[in-house]
Amino acid sequence: MSESSVQAGALPKAPSGVSMIVVMTSVATVCGLLIVTAFQATKGAIEHNVATITQESVLEILPGAARQIPFGVDAAGAVVREPAADADVSRIYAGYDESGALLGIAIEGRGQGWNELKILYAYSPDRQCIFGFKVLECRETPGVGDKITTQEDFLANFKELDATLDPATQSPVHPIVTVKHGTKKDKWEIDAISGATISSKAIGRILQESTTRLLPAITGHLDEIRKAGAA
């Protein structure tokens, strides 16, 4: 067999390690650019949808509100009116009636159950209680943990949940706590859902953390928040 025949039938040379790395890097770069482009293209629409859902939820838990104004509470406890979408603040929404009188404040809260939970609750500074509640984001176990979104007995906990602040320390007089189903005795207790204790307790922790951190800031800026409704 001639040398030329051997060369003609030889297998193609395998690509070098360097060339494979170059190809893989190029593919990863293109994929990354596509992901970033898709994110930027949909970011505005997603933010708009989230804002719309939140506004509708505020009106749902603050019945009678004709107007709402968003505020933000920063880490130092300062309250900012109409914070930017990317501002690092805890978001609250003041609801006002037709005359501009403050009806209540809807407050966002986040925490961990089986998965991350995002809630919205209505707070009355005059009555010092939580009087409305809605789960905004929930990926708890279907048919078990997600009962926190629909079960009437559980949602009844938030019709008048005590959130009184001590006038001297501006801290909650009683911590909000979730108790075993059927054992609730006090207005600051949450009656858990039987079989969904983890998710029920998560709601209690979120509310306890949120009220402890945010209600003193809201109380300290309450005159400012009230006056905003008349502006």
Protein backbone atom coordinates (compact mmCIF):
# COMPACT_ATOMS: atom_id res chain seq x y z
CA MET A 1 0.00 0.00 0.00
CA SER A 2 1.41 3.38 -0.93
CA GLU A 3 2.14 6.14 1.53
CA SER A 4 -0.45 8.33 -0.16
CA SER A 5 -3.14 5.68 0.37
CA VAL A 6 -2.33 5.50 4.08
CA GLN A 7 -2.56 9.27 4.40
CA ALA A 8 -5.85 9.42 2.51
CA GLY A 9 -7.48 6.87 4.81
CA ALA A 10 -6.14 8.36 8.03
CA LEU A 11 -8.60 9.60 10.66
CA PRO A 12 -9.03 13.38 10.94
CA LYS A 13 -6.89 15.02 13.52
CA ALA A 14 -8.66 15.56 16.85
CA PRO A 15 -9.06 19.17 17.90
CA SER A 16 -6.56 20.40 20.47
CA GLY A 17 -7.52 21.22 24.04
CA VAL A 18 -6.94 24.92 23.37
CA SER A 19 -9.32 25.01 20.41
CA MET A 20 -12.02 23.21 22.43
CA ILE A 21 -11.70 25.76 25.21
CA VAL A 22 -12.00 28.60 22.69
CA VAL A 23 -15.17 27.07 21.22
CA MET A 24 -16.73 26.43 24.61
CA THR A 25 -15.90 29.94 25.77
CA SER A 26 -17.46 31.42 22.64
CA VAL A 27 -20.65 29.38 23.11
CA ALA A 28 -20.89 30.38 26.77
CA THR A 29 -20.39 34.05 25.86
CA VAL A 30 -23.13 33.95 23.24
CA CYS A 31 -25.52 32.20 25.64
CA GLY A 32 -24.75 34.76 28.34
CA LEU A 33 -25.44 37.64 25.97
CA LEU A 34 -28.74 36.07 24.93
CA ILE A 35 -29.80 35.66 28.57
CA VAL A 36 -28.89 39.26 29.42
CA THR A 37 -30.68 40.55 26.32
CA ALA A 38 -33.82 38.57 27.15
CA PHE A 39 -33.73 39.79 30.76
CA GLN A 40 -33.38 43.43 29.72
CA ALA A 41 -36.15 43.07 27.15
CA THR A 42 -38.62 41.65 29.68
CA LYS A 43 -37.52 43.51 32.83
CA GLY A 44 -39.79 46.51 32.24
CA ALA A 45 -42.86 44.37 31.57
CA ILE A 46 -42.20 42.21 34.63
CA GLU A 47 -41.78 45.23 36.89
CA HIS A 48 -44.98 46.76 35.49
CA ASN A 49 -46.94 43.56 36.11
CA VAL A 50 -45.60 43.23 39.67
CA ALA A 51 -46.49 46.87 40.39
CA THR A 52 -50.00 46.39 39.02
CA ILE A 53 -50.59 43.26 41.11
CA THR A 54 -49.31 45.03 44.22
CA GLN A 55 -51.54 48.07 43.65
CA GLU A 56 -54.58 45.85 43.21
CA SER A 57 -53.68 43.89 46.36
CA VAL A 58 -53.32 47.10 48.37
CA LEU A 59 -56.85 48.12 47.39
CA GLU A 60 -58.07 44.63 48.28
CA ILE A 61 -56.77 44.70 51.86
CA LEU A 62 -57.50 48.42 52.37
CA PRO A 63 -61.19 48.54 51.38
CA GLY A 64 -62.46 52.04 50.68
CA ALA A 65 -59.08 53.42 49.68
CA ALA A 66 -59.47 55.85 46.78
CA ARG A 67 -55.77 56.67 46.57
CA GLN A 68 -52.51 55.09 47.57
CA ILE A 69 -49.01 56.50 47.94
CA PRO A 70 -45.92 54.27 48.13
CA PHE A 71 -43.25 54.88 50.74
CA GLY A 72 -40.03 53.08 51.60
CA VAL A 73 -38.34 52.46 54.94
CA ASP A 74 -34.56 52.17 54.73
CA ALA A 75 -32.20 50.29 57.03
CA ALA A 76 -31.78 53.35 59.28
CA GLY A 77 -35.54 53.71 59.76
CA ALA A 78 -35.93 56.75 57.51
CA VAL A 79 -39.13 56.96 55.46
CA VAL A 80 -38.90 57.99 51.81
CA ARG A 81 -41.90 58.90 49.67
CA GLU A 82 -42.24 57.17 46.28
CA PRO A 83 -38.86 55.34 46.31
CA ALA A 84 -37.24 54.24 43.05
CA ALA A 85 -38.00 50.73 41.82
CA ASP A 86 -34.45 49.60 42.62
CA ALA A 87 -34.20 51.34 45.99
CA ASP A 88 -33.05 49.14 48.88
CA VAL A 89 -36.05 49.77 51.12
CA SER A 90 -38.94 47.93 52.71
CA ARG A 91 -42.05 49.02 50.84
CA ILE A 92 -45.23 50.31 52.41
CA TYR A 93 -48.34 51.77 50.80
CA ALA A 94 -50.51 54.36 52.52
CA GLY A 95 -54.19 54.20 51.54
CA TYR A 96 -56.46 57.29 51.73
CA ASP A 97 -60.18 57.84 51.32
CA GLU A 98 -61.80 60.40 49.01
CA SER A 99 -61.16 63.20 51.51
CA GLY A 100 -57.46 62.31 51.88
CA ALA A 101 -57.80 60.76 55.34
CA LEU A 102 -55.47 57.85 56.07
CA LEU A 103 -57.35 54.54 56.17
CA GLY A 104 -54.40 52.26 56.82
CA ILE A 105 -50.98 51.20 55.61
CA ALA A 106 -50.24 48.10 53.54
CA ILE A 107 -46.82 46.65 54.37
CA GLU A 108 -44.77 44.13 52.40
CA GLY A 109 -43.03 41.32 54.24
CA ARG A 110 -40.78 38.45 53.18
CA GLY A 111 -39.53 35.28 54.81
CA GLN A 112 -38.89 31.59 54.48
CA GLY A 113 -41.37 28.74 54.79
CA TRP A 114 -40.61 25.65 52.75
CA ASN A 115 -39.77 28.28 50.12
CA GLU A 116 -39.66 32.06 50.08
CA LEU A 117 -42.92 33.80 50.93
CA LYS A 118 -43.95 37.37 50.16
CA ILE A 119 -46.94 38.83 51.94
CA LEU A 120 -48.86 42.09 52.20
CA TYR A 121 -50.66 43.07 55.39
CA ALA A 122 -52.82 46.03 56.38
CA TYR A 123 -51.92 47.98 59.53
CA SER A 124 -54.05 50.54 61.33
CA PRO A 125 -51.97 53.09 63.28
CA ASP A 126 -55.09 54.25 65.10
CA ARG A 127 -56.21 50.81 66.27
CA GLN A 128 -52.65 49.43 66.38
CA CYS A 129 -53.64 46.18 64.77
CA ILE A 130 -53.31 44.19 61.56
CA PHE A 131 -56.69 44.07 59.85
CA GLY A 132 -55.96 42.63 56.41
CA PHE A 133 -53.63 40.07 54.88
CA LYS A 134 -52.74 38.57 51.51
CA VAL A 135 -50.00 36.23 50.27
CA LEU A 136 -48.39 37.73 47.16
CA GLU A 137 -45.91 34.96 46.37
CA CYS A 138 -46.19 31.37 47.53
CA ARG A 139 -44.51 28.18 46.34
CA GLU A 140 -45.48 26.08 49.33
CA THR A 141 -46.60 22.46 48.91
CA PRO A 142 -49.88 22.36 46.93
CA GLY A 143 -52.79 21.22 49.06
CA VAL A 144 -50.81 21.62 52.29
CA GLY A 145 -48.64 24.70 52.81
CA ASP A 146 -50.49 26.76 50.23
CA LYS A 147 -53.60 26.64 52.45
CA ILE A 148 -52.23 29.87 53.98
CA THR A 149 -53.53 31.63 50.87
CA THR A 150 -57.13 30.38 50.98
CA GLN A 151 -58.20 28.77 54.26
CA GLU A 152 -60.82 31.02 55.83
CA ASP A 153 -60.08 30.01 59.43
CA PHE A 154 -56.43 30.95 58.96
CA LEU A 155 -57.16 34.23 57.18
CA ALA A 156 -59.55 35.15 60.01
CA ASN A 157 -56.45 35.54 62.22
CA PHE A 158 -55.71 38.80 60.43
CA LYS A 159 -59.01 40.60 60.85
CA GLU A 160 -57.80 42.19 64.10
CA LEU A 161 -54.36 40.88 65.04
CA ASP A 162 -52.91 42.93 67.89
CA ALA A 163 -49.76 44.93 67.04
CA THR A 164 -49.72 47.42 69.92
CA LEU A 165 -46.47 49.32 70.47
CA ASP A 166 -45.11 50.28 73.87
CA PRO A 167 -45.21 54.12 73.96
CA ALA A 168 -41.89 54.30 75.79
CA THR A 169 -39.81 51.84 73.75
CA GLN A 170 -41.82 51.79 70.48
CA SER A 171 -41.44 48.01 70.42
CA PRO A 172 -44.35 45.55 70.24
CA VAL A 173 -45.95 44.95 73.63
CA HIS A 174 -46.67 41.34 72.64
CA PRO A 175 -44.71 39.40 70.01
CA ILE A 176 -46.82 37.98 67.21
CA VAL A 177 -46.57 34.22 67.49
CA THR A 178 -48.13 31.20 65.78
CA VAL A 179 -49.69 28.67 68.17
CA LYS A 180 -50.93 25.11 67.74
CA HIS A 181 -54.22 24.83 65.91
CA GLY A 182 -57.15 25.31 68.27
CA THR A 183 -55.16 26.84 71.14
CA LYS A 184 -55.34 30.55 70.28
CA LYS A 185 -56.35 32.65 73.30
CA ASP A 186 -54.93 36.12 72.70
CA LYS A 187 -55.29 38.69 69.91
CA TRP A 188 -51.59 38.64 69.08
CA GLU A 189 -51.58 34.88 68.43
CA ILE A 190 -52.03 33.19 65.04
CA ASP A 191 -53.97 29.93 65.02
CA ALA A 192 -51.94 27.56 62.83
CA ILE A 193 -53.36 25.35 60.11
CA SER A 194 -53.39 21.71 61.15
CA GLY A 195 -50.98 19.84 58.86
CA ALA A 196 -49.39 23.06 57.58
CA THR A 197 -47.54 24.13 60.70
CA ILE A 198 -44.29 25.12 58.99
CA SER A 199 -46.00 27.52 56.59
CA SER A 200 -48.22 28.88 59.37
CA LYS A 201 -45.23 29.52 61.62
CA ALA A 202 -43.40 31.20 58.74
CA ILE A 203 -46.20 33.77 58.49
CA GLY A 204 -45.92 34.45 62.22
CA ARG A 205 -42.15 34.97 61.95
CA ILE A 206 -42.50 37.29 58.97
CA LEU A 207 -45.08 39.43 60.77
CA GLN A 208 -43.10 39.52 64.00
CA GLU A 209 -39.91 40.60 62.22
CA SER A 210 -41.71 43.11 60.03
CA THR A 211 -43.77 44.76 62.76
CA THR A 212 -40.80 44.97 65.12
CA ARG A 213 -38.65 46.66 62.48
CA LEU A 214 -41.13 48.80 60.54
CA LEU A 215 -43.93 49.90 62.86
CA PRO A 216 -41.67 52.16 64.98
CA ALA A 217 -40.47 53.88 61.79
CA ILE A 218 -44.04 54.28 60.54
CA THR A 219 -45.18 55.68 63.89
CA GLY A 220 -42.27 58.12 63.96
CA HIS A 221 -43.22 59.47 60.52
CA LEU A 222 -46.98 59.13 60.86
CA ASP A 223 -47.70 62.88 60.61
CA GLU A 224 -45.76 63.03 57.36
CA ILE A 225 -47.65 60.02 55.98
CA ARG A 226 -51.03 61.48 57.02
CA LYS A 227 -50.31 64.87 55.43
CA ALA A 228 -49.33 63.23 52.14
CA GLY A 229 -52.96 62.24 51.57
CA ALA A 230 -54.10 65.85 51.62
CA ALA A 231 -51.42 67.12 49.25
